[in-house]
Amino acid sequence: MSNYGPDVWNDSKLTSAFLTDIYGNVLNLTWPRDGSNSDECLGIMGKDAVQPNNTSFKFWPYASIRNINTLLKNIDEGTLPEGEKNLMKGQAYFMRAFQYFKMVRLHGGVPIVKEPQSLEDDLNVKRNSTAECFEFILSDLDEAAKLLPVKNSGDNYGRIDQCIVAAFKSRVLLYKASPQFNPSSPYNNSYWKDAYNAAKSAKELLDQNGYGLIDNYTDVFETKKHSEAILPIIYSNPTKVNGRAEDAVRPLSESKNATGGDQPTWGLVESFPMKDGKKVGESDKYSYNVQEFWKNRDPRFDAVIVYNGDIYELSGKAGRRQYTTPNIANSLDAFGYNIQGEHHNRTGLYCKKGIMEELPVAQVTLNDVDWLEIRYPEIMFNLAETANENGSTAEGYETLVAIRKRAGIEPGANNLYGLKAGMSREEMRLALLDEKRIEFCFEGQRFWDLRRHRMLHTYLNGQHKYGILANLKAGIDMTDAMNRAASYTLMPEEFDYQVIDLIFQNPTSEDAMYMPESYYFFPISKDEIEKNPNLDQNKDWGGSFDPVL
């Protein structure tokens, strides 16, 4: 920000450019691709994944906070019209709250800095309590809401408005109420009421302003400016592209540069219900077995998962099928670790969410699908979850039915879309968590949901991950199969399937997820601790700071 002189606050264009730079720093967000931290996709978080002296799960954005504070301190001294000042201040208040929430979610309480610090100031600031930080975040959001328009459109689409602020506030208060911050009273603390009120207000505001579910689940990720996009991070070819990292998510036979990202696990595959909404193996209408695992599933399965022999028309190739069987699959697409002299893990599954299938190989990095940092179903789940913890399952059923109806699940005779009738509070809590796992898979929600429920050490810790190996059925000639694969006429039913622990693929890696209770609050970077002797490390990481409420 050193390019801006003292006259910046008297010039509308310069002030707008200053704020745009803040946007570029704070909301420079992409598709997360962090499913390896949970049970979504390939990858093991081992014992040394998080340490005070590495960069994993660290966030300390005080440089961007200084720029935000600079704007908030100086803009009123300039000559811009009052309305213009207020619009910019409202956006800046949101940006500061956004950065602080990300820090608090990771580390608990952090130093609250409201003024732009200079070298003459005492930079050795102590940590504020987690409670003080939440109050600061909520205060900034309330200030932002007072100064911003209800909903932006046109050239201002994607800029912060009241709808975005309200939606984000519901996220903040959901975390504040959660077991992560309240281990001694995880589901019966008073914060759940505040969280419910915020979610209810947010949903009402969104509904009044045209937000809601769109008809087609796939269109959520392949079209723009629809009614689910609350906080979109806008991508546009050629100026801003490949937030999806499509080249890393596609199979290498139809990509370049990289591959291996967002490979679904077998556990995720089995989490999708059948077409009638029942869990695999529990449907009276649709039988289930591993040898035909793709049949009669929740339609979101086909919108997300690519399996051996599945239609996947990448690079505009009509009728193209994706194969994952060694010697039949092209290049490095095949299941396994040692493939054609290379050493890359494969689960036998691929992800198609957010992929622009029509792009040719040479243009795979030109994907310009928007990243939706907040989309409407998140607020639906926030309302359902907070209502449930306040003693009402009604909103839970309402949300689950609406989500499943949009997905294309069959309603059933009782119009419950496969849901159990009369669920208890505990059953509804898990039903919402299971549904959100599916609805938001590969959108960076799963790990954080498990973490705020304090389920890392009870659910994820010690988990192995599995893939699916396809082998030609006995009696099918390999040469004939290879020829038919080349013309996309080799069908998935012509293979036998075997679920295999992925650890066999790489004997040097750890075989199970490591998720101790200390991961509910990650350590502050050792470098920051050494620079500031007044920073106390979290108590599970060698310090004495208690990050819970």
Protein backbone atom coordinates (compact mmCIF):
# COMPACT_ATOMS: atom_id res chain seq x y z
CA MET A 1 0.00 0.00 0.00
CA SER A 2 3.06 2.26 -0.02
CA ASN A 3 2.09 3.42 -3.53
CA TYR A 4 -0.67 5.57 -2.06
CA GLY A 5 0.18 9.11 -0.91
CA PRO A 6 -1.60 11.32 1.65
CA ASP A 7 -4.06 12.63 -0.95
CA VAL A 8 -5.58 9.19 -1.47
CA TRP A 9 -8.51 10.04 0.85
CA ASN A 10 -9.45 13.06 -1.26
CA ASP A 11 -9.64 11.13 -4.51
CA SER A 12 -12.51 8.73 -5.11
CA LYS A 13 -10.61 6.63 -7.64
CA LEU A 14 -7.54 6.28 -5.42
CA THR A 15 -9.59 5.38 -2.36
CA SER A 16 -11.52 2.82 -4.39
CA ALA A 17 -8.23 1.38 -5.64
CA PHE A 18 -6.97 1.16 -2.04
CA LEU A 19 -10.11 -0.74 -1.05
CA THR A 20 -9.84 -2.97 -4.12
CA ASP A 21 -6.33 -3.91 -3.03
CA ILE A 22 -7.77 -4.93 0.35
CA TYR A 23 -10.34 -7.09 -1.45
CA GLY A 24 -7.56 -8.70 -3.46
CA ASN A 25 -5.68 -9.57 -0.29
CA VAL A 26 -8.54 -10.66 1.96
CA LEU A 27 -10.86 -12.31 -0.56
CA ASN A 28 -8.24 -13.79 -2.86
CA LEU A 29 -9.92 -17.15 -2.35
CA THR A 30 -10.02 -20.30 -4.44
CA TRP A 31 -11.69 -23.69 -4.23
CA PRO A 32 -10.21 -25.16 -1.04
CA ARG A 33 -9.08 -28.63 -2.24
CA ASP A 34 -8.46 -29.60 1.41
CA GLY A 35 -10.50 -32.81 1.53
CA SER A 36 -7.39 -34.78 2.43
CA ASN A 37 -7.68 -33.25 5.91
CA SER A 38 -10.97 -35.09 6.41
CA ASP A 39 -12.66 -38.20 5.05
CA GLU A 40 -13.39 -36.74 1.61
CA CYS A 41 -10.39 -37.54 -0.50
CA LEU A 42 -6.95 -39.08 -0.84
CA GLY A 43 -4.32 -38.05 1.67
CA ILE A 44 -3.30 -38.74 5.25
CA MET A 45 -2.64 -36.09 7.89
CA GLY A 46 0.15 -37.73 9.80
CA LYS A 47 1.70 -37.13 13.21
CA ASP A 48 3.96 -34.29 12.16
CA ALA A 49 1.45 -32.48 9.94
CA VAL A 50 0.94 -29.63 12.41
CA GLN A 51 3.81 -28.19 14.42
CA PRO A 52 4.55 -24.71 15.82
CA ASN A 53 7.55 -24.45 13.49
CA ASN A 54 5.78 -25.28 10.23
CA THR A 55 3.18 -23.40 8.17
CA SER A 56 0.27 -25.85 8.48
CA PHE A 57 -2.92 -24.28 9.82
CA LYS A 58 -1.33 -20.91 10.58
CA PHE A 59 -2.91 -17.54 9.79
CA TRP A 60 -1.52 -14.21 10.98
CA PRO A 61 -2.74 -11.53 8.55
CA TYR A 62 -1.74 -8.40 10.44
CA ALA A 63 -0.28 -6.78 7.31
CA SER A 64 -3.71 -6.78 5.67
CA ILE A 65 -5.34 -5.73 8.95
CA ARG A 66 -2.97 -2.75 9.08
CA ASN A 67 -4.18 -1.67 5.64
CA ILE A 68 -7.81 -2.03 6.71
CA ASN A 69 -7.10 -0.01 9.86
CA THR A 70 -5.38 2.64 7.75
CA LEU A 71 -8.52 3.11 5.69
CA LEU A 72 -10.81 3.17 8.72
CA LYS A 73 -8.62 5.73 10.53
CA ASN A 74 -7.95 8.11 7.63
CA ILE A 75 -10.92 8.06 5.28
CA ASP A 76 -13.00 10.44 7.42
CA GLU A 77 -10.23 13.03 7.17
CA GLY A 78 -10.65 13.19 3.41
CA THR A 79 -13.09 15.17 1.29
CA LEU A 80 -15.11 12.35 -0.24
CA PRO A 81 -18.92 12.53 0.07
CA GLU A 82 -20.20 11.05 3.32
CA GLY A 83 -22.17 8.33 1.57
CA GLU A 84 -19.12 7.18 -0.36
CA LYS A 85 -17.04 7.11 2.82
CA ASN A 86 -19.64 5.02 4.60
CA LEU A 87 -19.80 2.46 1.78
CA MET A 88 -16.04 1.98 1.89
CA LYS A 89 -15.91 1.85 5.69
CA GLY A 90 -18.67 -0.76 5.76
CA GLN A 91 -16.71 -3.02 3.44
CA ALA A 92 -13.53 -2.50 5.45
CA TYR A 93 -15.27 -3.42 8.72
CA PHE A 94 -16.39 -6.68 7.10
CA MET A 95 -12.88 -7.42 5.82
CA ARG A 96 -11.43 -6.97 9.29
CA ALA A 97 -14.06 -9.23 10.84
CA PHE A 98 -13.42 -11.82 8.12
CA GLN A 99 -9.68 -11.91 8.86
CA TYR A 100 -10.14 -12.05 12.62
CA PHE A 101 -12.64 -14.87 12.39
CA LYS A 102 -10.22 -16.96 10.35
CA MET A 103 -7.55 -16.41 13.00
CA VAL A 104 -9.85 -17.16 15.93
CA ARG A 105 -11.20 -20.31 14.27
CA LEU A 106 -7.64 -21.60 14.01
CA HIS A 107 -5.96 -20.31 17.15
CA GLY A 108 -8.53 -18.91 19.58
CA GLY A 109 -7.97 -15.39 20.95
CA VAL A 110 -5.44 -13.18 19.15
CA PRO A 111 -4.26 -9.59 19.61
CA ILE A 112 -6.96 -7.06 18.76
CA VAL A 113 -5.35 -4.19 16.85
CA LYS A 114 -7.67 -1.35 15.89
CA GLU A 115 -5.10 1.25 14.79
CA PRO A 116 -2.50 1.07 12.01
CA GLN A 117 0.70 0.34 13.89
CA SER A 118 3.96 2.07 13.04
CA LEU A 119 7.52 1.21 13.97
CA GLU A 120 7.31 3.72 16.83
CA ASP A 121 4.43 1.80 18.44
CA ASP A 122 4.78 -1.03 20.92
CA LEU A 123 4.38 -4.00 18.59
CA ASN A 124 4.57 -6.61 21.34
CA VAL A 125 0.82 -6.83 21.79
CA LYS A 126 -0.70 -9.47 24.04
CA ARG A 127 -3.44 -11.85 22.98
CA ASN A 128 -7.00 -10.88 23.77
CA SER A 129 -9.32 -13.54 25.11
CA THR A 130 -11.35 -15.56 22.66
CA ALA A 131 -14.53 -13.99 24.07
CA GLU A 132 -13.17 -10.49 23.44
CA CYS A 133 -12.25 -11.44 19.88
CA PHE A 134 -15.73 -12.75 19.13
CA GLU A 135 -17.24 -9.53 20.48
CA PHE A 136 -14.85 -7.52 18.30
CA ILE A 137 -15.74 -9.54 15.20
CA LEU A 138 -19.47 -9.17 15.85
CA SER A 139 -19.11 -5.45 16.51
CA ASP A 140 -17.35 -4.97 13.18
CA LEU A 141 -20.07 -6.93 11.40
CA ASP A 142 -22.77 -4.83 13.02
CA GLU A 143 -20.97 -1.64 11.99
CA ALA A 144 -20.65 -2.96 8.45
CA ALA A 145 -24.35 -3.76 8.23
CA LYS A 146 -25.26 -0.18 9.22
CA LEU A 147 -23.22 1.29 6.38
CA LEU A 148 -23.84 -1.05 3.45
CA PRO A 149 -26.67 -1.49 0.92
CA VAL A 150 -28.96 -4.49 1.35
CA LYS A 151 -27.91 -6.23 -1.87
CA ASN A 152 -25.46 -5.32 -4.60
CA SER A 153 -25.95 -6.01 -8.29
CA GLY A 154 -24.60 -4.97 -11.68
CA ASP A 155 -21.02 -3.72 -11.53
CA ASN A 156 -21.06 -4.09 -7.73
CA TYR A 157 -22.00 -7.78 -7.81
CA GLY A 158 -19.68 -9.62 -5.43
CA ARG A 159 -19.02 -6.55 -3.29
CA ILE A 160 -19.92 -6.78 0.38
CA ASP A 161 -23.52 -5.93 1.27
CA GLN A 162 -25.94 -6.53 4.15
CA CYS A 163 -26.92 -9.96 2.85
CA ILE A 164 -23.29 -11.11 2.89
CA VAL A 165 -22.72 -9.62 6.34
CA ALA A 166 -25.80 -11.34 7.78
CA ALA A 167 -24.86 -14.69 6.24
CA PHE A 168 -21.31 -14.47 7.55
CA LYS A 169 -22.53 -13.41 11.01
CA SER A 170 -24.56 -16.63 11.15
CA ARG A 171 -21.35 -18.57 10.45
CA VAL A 172 -19.44 -16.72 13.17
CA LEU A 173 -22.10 -17.30 15.82
CA LEU A 174 -22.47 -20.96 14.86
CA TYR A 175 -18.78 -21.42 15.65
CA LYS A 176 -19.00 -19.38 18.84
CA ALA A 177 -21.75 -21.71 20.12
CA SER A 178 -20.01 -24.87 18.99
CA PRO A 179 -18.33 -27.57 21.10
CA GLN A 180 -14.96 -26.40 19.79
CA PHE A 181 -15.21 -23.26 21.90
CA ASN A 182 -17.44 -24.69 24.64
CA PRO A 183 -16.14 -28.15 25.57
CA SER A 184 -17.65 -28.08 29.05
CA SER A 185 -21.14 -27.34 27.70
CA PRO A 186 -21.07 -28.28 24.03
CA TYR A 187 -24.75 -28.26 23.15
CA ASN A 188 -26.46 -26.56 26.09
CA ASN A 189 -24.70 -23.20 26.31
CA SER A 190 -26.50 -19.88 25.92
CA TYR A 191 -24.66 -19.00 22.69
CA TRP A 192 -26.87 -21.38 20.71
CA LYS A 193 -29.80 -18.98 21.11
CA ASP A 194 -27.78 -16.09 19.67
CA ALA A 195 -26.66 -18.33 16.82
CA TYR A 196 -30.25 -19.33 16.07
CA ASN A 197 -31.43 -15.73 16.03
CA ALA A 198 -28.63 -14.73 13.67
CA ALA A 199 -29.31 -17.62 11.29
CA LYS A 200 -33.05 -16.92 11.32
CA SER A 201 -32.52 -13.23 10.61
CA ALA A 202 -30.02 -14.00 7.87
CA LYS A 203 -32.33 -16.45 6.12
CA GLU A 204 -35.26 -14.04 6.32
CA LEU A 205 -33.16 -11.24 4.80
CA LEU A 206 -31.87 -13.54 2.06
CA ASP A 207 -35.35 -14.83 1.25
CA GLN A 208 -36.67 -11.27 1.02
CA ASN A 209 -33.95 -10.40 -1.46
CA GLY A 210 -34.32 -13.22 -3.95
CA TYR A 211 -31.89 -15.81 -2.62
CA GLY A 212 -32.82 -19.48 -2.56
CA LEU A 213 -32.05 -22.92 -3.95
CA ILE A 214 -31.79 -23.24 -7.70
CA ASP A 215 -33.41 -26.19 -9.43
CA ASN A 216 -30.34 -28.10 -10.60
CA TYR A 217 -27.48 -29.05 -8.29
CA THR A 218 -24.87 -29.17 -11.08
CA ASP A 219 -25.82 -25.67 -12.22
CA VAL A 220 -24.75 -24.32 -8.82
CA PHE A 221 -21.14 -24.85 -9.88
CA GLU A 222 -21.38 -24.36 -13.64
CA THR A 223 -23.44 -21.16 -13.95
CA LYS A 224 -22.97 -17.69 -12.53
CA LYS A 225 -24.97 -15.01 -10.71
CA HIS A 226 -27.66 -17.39 -9.48
CA SER A 227 -29.72 -17.21 -6.31
CA GLU A 228 -27.44 -19.44 -4.22
CA ALA A 229 -24.37 -17.23 -4.68
CA ILE A 230 -24.22 -15.06 -1.55
CA LEU A 231 -20.47 -14.34 -1.46
CA PRO A 232 -19.04 -15.20 -4.88
CA ILE A 233 -15.35 -14.91 -5.66
CA ILE A 234 -15.60 -14.02 -9.31
CA TYR A 235 -13.43 -15.64 -11.95
CA SER A 236 -13.46 -14.49 -15.56
CA ASN A 237 -11.39 -15.66 -18.50
CA PRO A 238 -8.79 -14.32 -19.26
CA THR A 239 -8.29 -11.89 -16.35
CA LYS A 240 -8.75 -14.31 -13.45
CA VAL A 241 -8.80 -18.06 -14.05
CA ASN A 242 -8.33 -21.52 -12.58
CA GLY A 243 -9.50 -20.96 -9.05
CA ARG A 244 -10.76 -24.54 -9.34
CA ALA A 245 -7.27 -25.78 -10.28
CA GLU A 246 -8.91 -27.90 -12.94
CA ASP A 247 -5.58 -29.12 -14.26
CA ALA A 248 -4.90 -30.69 -10.85
CA VAL A 249 -8.35 -32.28 -10.51
CA ARG A 250 -8.76 -33.82 -13.97
CA PRO A 251 -7.19 -37.19 -14.80
CA LEU A 252 -3.84 -36.57 -16.42
CA SER A 253 -4.88 -38.13 -19.71
CA GLU A 254 -7.04 -35.04 -20.27
CA SER A 255 -4.91 -32.49 -18.43
CA LYS A 256 -1.45 -31.01 -18.15
CA ASN A 257 0.95 -29.84 -15.44
CA ALA A 258 -0.56 -31.75 -12.53
CA THR A 259 -3.14 -34.26 -11.40
CA GLY A 260 -4.25 -36.04 -8.24
CA GLY A 261 -6.31 -33.34 -6.53
CA ASP A 262 -9.73 -33.98 -4.99
CA GLN A 263 -9.70 -37.75 -5.53
CA PRO A 264 -12.75 -39.10 -3.69
CA THR A 265 -12.37 -41.85 -1.12
CA TRP A 266 -14.52 -44.95 -0.93
CA GLY A 267 -15.90 -43.61 2.34
CA LEU A 268 -17.30 -40.56 0.56
CA VAL A 269 -18.78 -42.77 -2.17
CA GLU A 270 -20.66 -44.84 0.39
CA SER A 271 -21.95 -41.75 2.20
CA PHE A 272 -24.27 -40.91 -0.71
CA PRO A 273 -27.68 -42.50 -0.11
CA MET A 274 -29.75 -44.44 -2.60
CA LYS A 275 -32.33 -42.75 -4.85
CA ASP A 276 -34.97 -43.14 -2.16
CA GLY A 277 -32.78 -41.35 0.39
CA LYS A 278 -31.98 -44.45 2.42
CA LYS A 279 -28.41 -45.26 3.39
CA VAL A 280 -26.63 -47.92 1.36
CA GLY A 281 -27.80 -51.34 2.45
CA GLU A 282 -30.91 -49.97 4.20
CA SER A 283 -33.26 -49.43 1.25
CA ASP A 284 -36.15 -51.82 0.69
CA LYS A 285 -36.54 -50.53 -2.85
CA TYR A 286 -32.97 -50.44 -4.15
CA SER A 287 -30.53 -53.22 -3.38
CA TYR A 288 -26.87 -52.32 -3.00
CA ASN A 289 -23.64 -54.18 -3.58
CA VAL A 290 -20.10 -53.08 -4.24
CA GLN A 291 -20.10 -54.64 -7.72
CA GLU A 292 -22.73 -52.15 -8.87
CA PHE A 293 -22.08 -49.35 -6.41
CA TRP A 294 -22.99 -46.59 -8.89
CA LYS A 295 -26.55 -47.77 -9.55
CA ASN A 296 -29.68 -46.11 -8.12
CA ARG A 297 -27.84 -43.53 -6.07
CA ASP A 298 -28.67 -40.01 -4.92
CA PRO A 299 -28.39 -37.93 -8.16
CA ARG A 300 -25.68 -35.83 -6.52
CA PHE A 301 -23.48 -38.93 -6.75
CA ASP A 302 -23.48 -38.63 -10.55
CA ALA A 303 -22.99 -34.86 -10.31
CA VAL A 304 -19.80 -35.29 -8.29
CA ILE A 305 -18.25 -38.77 -8.57
CA VAL A 306 -16.48 -40.26 -11.60
CA TYR A 307 -15.88 -44.02 -11.44
CA ASN A 308 -14.40 -46.67 -13.71
CA GLY A 309 -16.30 -46.80 -17.01
CA ASP A 310 -18.35 -43.71 -16.19
CA ILE A 311 -19.27 -41.22 -18.89
CA TYR A 312 -16.94 -38.23 -18.45
CA GLU A 313 -16.86 -36.16 -21.62
CA LEU A 314 -13.69 -34.18 -20.96
CA SER A 315 -12.11 -32.07 -23.70
CA GLY A 316 -15.40 -32.13 -25.58
CA LYS A 317 -15.05 -35.83 -26.43
CA ALA A 318 -18.58 -37.10 -26.95
CA GLY A 319 -19.29 -40.38 -25.21
CA ARG A 320 -15.88 -40.48 -23.55
CA ARG A 321 -15.63 -42.93 -20.63
CA GLN A 322 -13.17 -42.67 -17.77
CA TYR A 323 -11.29 -45.89 -17.04
CA THR A 324 -9.18 -46.50 -13.95
CA THR A 325 -8.02 -50.08 -14.55
CA PRO A 326 -4.28 -50.58 -15.00
CA ASN A 327 -3.35 -51.35 -18.64
CA ILE A 328 -6.72 -50.09 -19.86
CA ALA A 329 -6.73 -46.56 -18.45
CA ASN A 330 -4.66 -43.97 -20.27
CA SER A 331 -1.53 -42.41 -18.83
CA LEU A 332 -1.59 -42.00 -15.05
CA ASP A 333 -5.36 -42.36 -14.60
CA ALA A 334 -5.21 -45.89 -13.24
CA PHE A 335 -5.76 -46.97 -9.65
CA GLY A 336 -2.57 -47.74 -7.78
CA TYR A 337 0.76 -46.34 -6.69
CA ASN A 338 3.33 -47.81 -9.08
CA ILE A 339 1.93 -46.94 -12.47
CA GLN A 340 3.90 -47.11 -15.70
CA GLY A 341 7.12 -46.32 -13.84
CA GLU A 342 5.60 -43.35 -12.02
CA HIS A 343 4.75 -43.06 -8.33
CA HIS A 344 1.40 -41.37 -7.82
CA ASN A 345 -1.48 -42.45 -5.63
CA ARG A 346 -4.89 -42.97 -7.23
CA THR A 347 -8.17 -43.92 -5.54
CA GLY A 348 -9.88 -45.19 -8.69
CA LEU A 349 -12.30 -42.24 -8.47
CA TYR A 350 -12.36 -38.66 -9.74
CA CYS A 351 -14.32 -35.51 -8.90
CA LYS A 352 -16.29 -33.56 -11.49
CA LYS A 353 -17.71 -30.77 -9.29
CA GLY A 354 -16.79 -27.39 -10.76
CA ILE A 355 -15.01 -28.91 -13.76
CA MET A 356 -15.51 -27.30 -17.18
CA GLU A 357 -15.57 -30.54 -19.14
CA GLU A 358 -15.67 -28.80 -22.52
CA LEU A 359 -12.18 -27.27 -22.13
CA PRO A 360 -9.53 -28.93 -24.32
CA VAL A 361 -6.31 -30.10 -22.71
CA ALA A 362 -4.38 -27.01 -23.81
CA GLN A 363 -6.91 -24.77 -22.04
CA VAL A 364 -7.53 -26.63 -18.75
CA THR A 365 -6.08 -23.75 -16.75
CA LEU A 366 -8.71 -21.38 -18.18
CA ASN A 367 -11.49 -22.67 -15.92
CA ASP A 368 -13.36 -19.58 -14.70
CA VAL A 369 -15.99 -21.14 -12.47
CA ASP A 370 -16.70 -18.82 -9.54
CA TRP A 371 -15.81 -19.91 -6.01
CA LEU A 372 -18.83 -19.51 -3.71
CA GLU A 373 -17.39 -18.68 -0.31
CA ILE A 374 -20.94 -18.54 1.06
CA ARG A 375 -23.90 -20.12 -0.67
CA TYR A 376 -27.51 -20.26 0.41
CA PRO A 377 -27.67 -23.87 1.68
CA GLU A 378 -25.03 -23.04 4.31
CA ILE A 379 -27.50 -20.63 5.93
CA MET A 380 -30.22 -23.28 5.72
CA PHE A 381 -27.96 -25.71 7.57
CA ASN A 382 -26.97 -23.03 10.09
CA LEU A 383 -30.62 -22.39 10.88
CA ALA A 384 -31.44 -26.10 11.08
CA GLU A 385 -28.48 -26.88 13.32
CA THR A 386 -29.04 -24.00 15.72
CA ALA A 387 -32.77 -24.69 15.91
CA ASN A 388 -32.05 -28.31 16.75
CA GLU A 389 -29.73 -27.32 19.59
CA ASN A 390 -32.51 -25.05 20.88
CA GLY A 391 -34.87 -28.01 21.07
CA SER A 392 -36.67 -27.93 17.71
CA THR A 393 -36.12 -30.51 14.98
CA ALA A 394 -38.73 -28.92 12.69
CA GLU A 395 -36.27 -26.63 10.90
CA GLY A 396 -33.95 -29.63 10.53
CA TYR A 397 -36.58 -31.60 8.69
CA GLU A 398 -37.49 -28.55 6.61
CA THR A 399 -33.89 -28.05 5.52
CA LEU A 400 -33.15 -31.72 4.86
CA VAL A 401 -36.34 -32.19 2.84
CA ALA A 402 -35.65 -29.09 0.73
CA ILE A 403 -32.04 -30.09 0.07
CA ARG A 404 -32.98 -33.67 -0.84
CA LYS A 405 -35.92 -32.59 -2.99
CA ARG A 406 -33.67 -30.29 -5.02
CA ALA A 407 -31.13 -33.12 -5.32
CA GLY A 408 -33.75 -35.32 -7.00
CA ILE A 409 -34.18 -37.89 -4.24
CA GLU A 410 -37.54 -39.64 -4.30
CA PRO A 411 -40.08 -38.30 -1.75
CA GLY A 412 -41.39 -41.66 -0.57
CA ALA A 413 -44.90 -42.33 0.69
CA ASN A 414 -44.43 -40.04 3.71
CA ASN A 415 -42.70 -37.21 1.80
CA LEU A 416 -39.67 -37.41 4.07
CA TYR A 417 -37.26 -38.20 1.22
CA GLY A 418 -35.78 -41.19 3.02
CA LEU A 419 -35.36 -39.48 6.39
CA LYS A 420 -36.25 -41.23 9.62
CA ALA A 421 -39.43 -39.87 11.19
CA GLY A 422 -39.36 -38.55 14.75
CA MET A 423 -35.61 -38.06 15.05
CA SER A 424 -34.21 -37.09 18.44
CA ARG A 425 -31.99 -34.07 18.92
CA GLU A 426 -28.89 -36.27 18.71
CA GLU A 427 -30.14 -38.10 15.61
CA MET A 428 -30.98 -34.83 13.87
CA ARG A 429 -27.54 -33.44 14.71
CA LEU A 430 -25.88 -36.37 12.93
CA ALA A 431 -28.38 -36.32 10.05
CA LEU A 432 -27.55 -32.68 9.36
CA LEU A 433 -23.83 -33.39 9.54
CA ASP A 434 -24.18 -36.37 7.16
CA GLU A 435 -26.27 -34.39 4.68
CA LYS A 436 -23.90 -31.44 4.72
CA ARG A 437 -21.03 -33.83 4.01
CA ILE A 438 -22.72 -34.72 0.73
CA GLU A 439 -24.16 -31.35 -0.25
CA PHE A 440 -20.87 -29.50 0.35
CA CYS A 441 -18.34 -32.18 -0.58
CA PHE A 442 -15.16 -30.65 -2.03
CA GLU A 443 -16.24 -27.18 -0.86
CA GLY A 444 -13.99 -27.02 2.20
CA GLN A 445 -16.64 -27.53 4.87
CA ARG A 446 -16.19 -31.10 6.11
CA PHE A 447 -12.99 -30.78 8.14
CA TRP A 448 -14.17 -27.60 9.84
CA ASP A 449 -17.58 -29.10 10.64
CA LEU A 450 -16.01 -32.12 12.30
CA ARG A 451 -13.58 -29.90 14.14
CA ARG A 452 -16.17 -27.51 15.56
CA HIS A 453 -18.18 -30.53 16.75
CA ARG A 454 -14.99 -31.87 18.40
CA MET A 455 -15.20 -35.06 16.36
CA LEU A 456 -11.63 -35.11 15.09
CA HIS A 457 -10.26 -37.26 17.90
CA THR A 458 -13.32 -39.54 18.15
CA TYR A 459 -14.19 -39.95 14.47
CA LEU A 460 -11.26 -39.07 12.20
CA ASN A 461 -8.34 -40.09 14.38
CA GLY A 462 -7.00 -43.49 13.34
CA GLN A 463 -9.07 -43.65 10.15
CA HIS A 464 -7.67 -45.38 7.11
CA LYS A 465 -8.73 -44.34 3.62
CA TYR A 466 -9.88 -46.69 0.90
CA GLY A 467 -10.17 -46.71 -2.86
CA ILE A 468 -11.84 -48.98 -5.41
CA LEU A 469 -9.82 -51.23 -7.73
CA ALA A 470 -11.46 -52.37 -10.97
CA ASN A 471 -10.23 -55.56 -12.68
CA LEU A 472 -11.56 -57.07 -15.87
CA LYS A 473 -13.91 -59.95 -15.24
CA ALA A 474 -12.59 -63.40 -15.91
CA GLY A 475 -13.06 -64.51 -19.51
CA ILE A 476 -12.84 -61.04 -21.06
CA ASP A 477 -9.91 -60.77 -23.45
CA MET A 478 -7.56 -57.93 -22.53
CA THR A 479 -6.81 -56.93 -26.14
CA ASP A 480 -10.51 -56.81 -26.98
CA ALA A 481 -11.16 -54.83 -23.80
CA MET A 482 -8.46 -52.31 -24.68
CA ASN A 483 -9.90 -51.86 -28.16
CA ARG A 484 -13.40 -51.33 -26.81
CA ALA A 485 -12.11 -48.91 -24.17
CA ALA A 486 -10.60 -46.85 -26.97
CA SER A 487 -14.06 -46.54 -28.53
CA TYR A 488 -15.76 -46.03 -25.13
CA THR A 489 -17.83 -49.21 -25.40
CA LEU A 490 -16.27 -51.10 -22.50
CA MET A 491 -18.87 -50.89 -19.74
CA PRO A 492 -18.44 -50.60 -15.94
CA GLU A 493 -20.39 -53.86 -15.48
CA GLU A 494 -17.56 -55.75 -17.20
CA PHE A 495 -15.27 -55.35 -14.21
CA ASP A 496 -14.97 -56.80 -10.73
CA TYR A 497 -14.50 -54.28 -7.93
CA GLN A 498 -12.42 -54.54 -4.78
CA VAL A 499 -12.25 -52.02 -1.94
CA ILE A 500 -8.59 -51.59 -0.94
CA ASP A 501 -6.82 -49.70 1.83
CA LEU A 502 -4.89 -46.97 0.04
CA ILE A 503 -1.86 -47.36 2.27
CA PHE A 504 -0.67 -50.35 0.24
CA GLN A 505 0.04 -47.97 -2.61
CA ASN A 506 2.82 -46.11 -0.82
CA PRO A 507 4.60 -48.15 1.84
CA THR A 508 6.60 -45.13 3.05
CA SER A 509 3.56 -43.10 4.12
CA GLU A 510 1.59 -43.24 7.34
CA ASP A 511 -1.50 -45.40 7.21
CA ALA A 512 -3.95 -43.58 9.48
CA MET A 513 -5.20 -40.08 10.17
CA TYR A 514 -3.69 -38.41 13.23
CA MET A 515 -6.20 -36.08 14.88
CA PRO A 516 -5.44 -35.44 18.57
CA GLU A 517 -7.53 -33.19 20.81
CA SER A 518 -4.83 -30.51 20.55
CA TYR A 519 -6.02 -29.89 16.97
CA TYR A 520 -9.13 -28.06 18.17
CA PHE A 521 -6.85 -25.04 18.53
CA PHE A 522 -3.75 -24.94 16.40
CA PRO A 523 -0.49 -23.37 17.56
CA ILE A 524 0.58 -19.86 16.72
CA SER A 525 3.67 -19.90 14.55
CA LYS A 526 6.92 -20.25 16.46
CA ASP A 527 8.30 -17.34 14.42
CA GLU A 528 5.55 -15.02 15.70
CA ILE A 529 6.09 -16.17 19.28
CA GLU A 530 9.81 -15.44 18.99
CA LYS A 531 9.18 -11.98 17.50
CA ASN A 532 6.73 -11.01 20.23
CA PRO A 533 7.64 -12.15 23.79
CA ASN A 534 4.17 -11.11 24.99
CA LEU A 535 2.46 -13.70 22.78
CA ASP A 536 1.52 -16.70 24.87
CA GLN A 537 1.28 -20.02 23.02
CA ASN A 538 -1.85 -22.19 23.33
CA LYS A 539 -1.82 -24.47 26.36
CA ASP A 540 -1.72 -27.72 24.36
CA TRP A 541 1.32 -26.47 22.44
CA GLY A 542 3.69 -25.50 25.23
CA GLY A 543 2.07 -22.27 26.44
CA SER A 544 -0.55 -21.31 29.00
CA PHE A 545 -3.17 -19.50 26.88
CA ASP A 546 -6.63 -21.11 27.16
CA PRO A 547 -8.50 -20.51 23.89
CA VAL A 548 -11.95 -21.77 24.93
CA LEU A 549 -14.79 -19.50 26.01
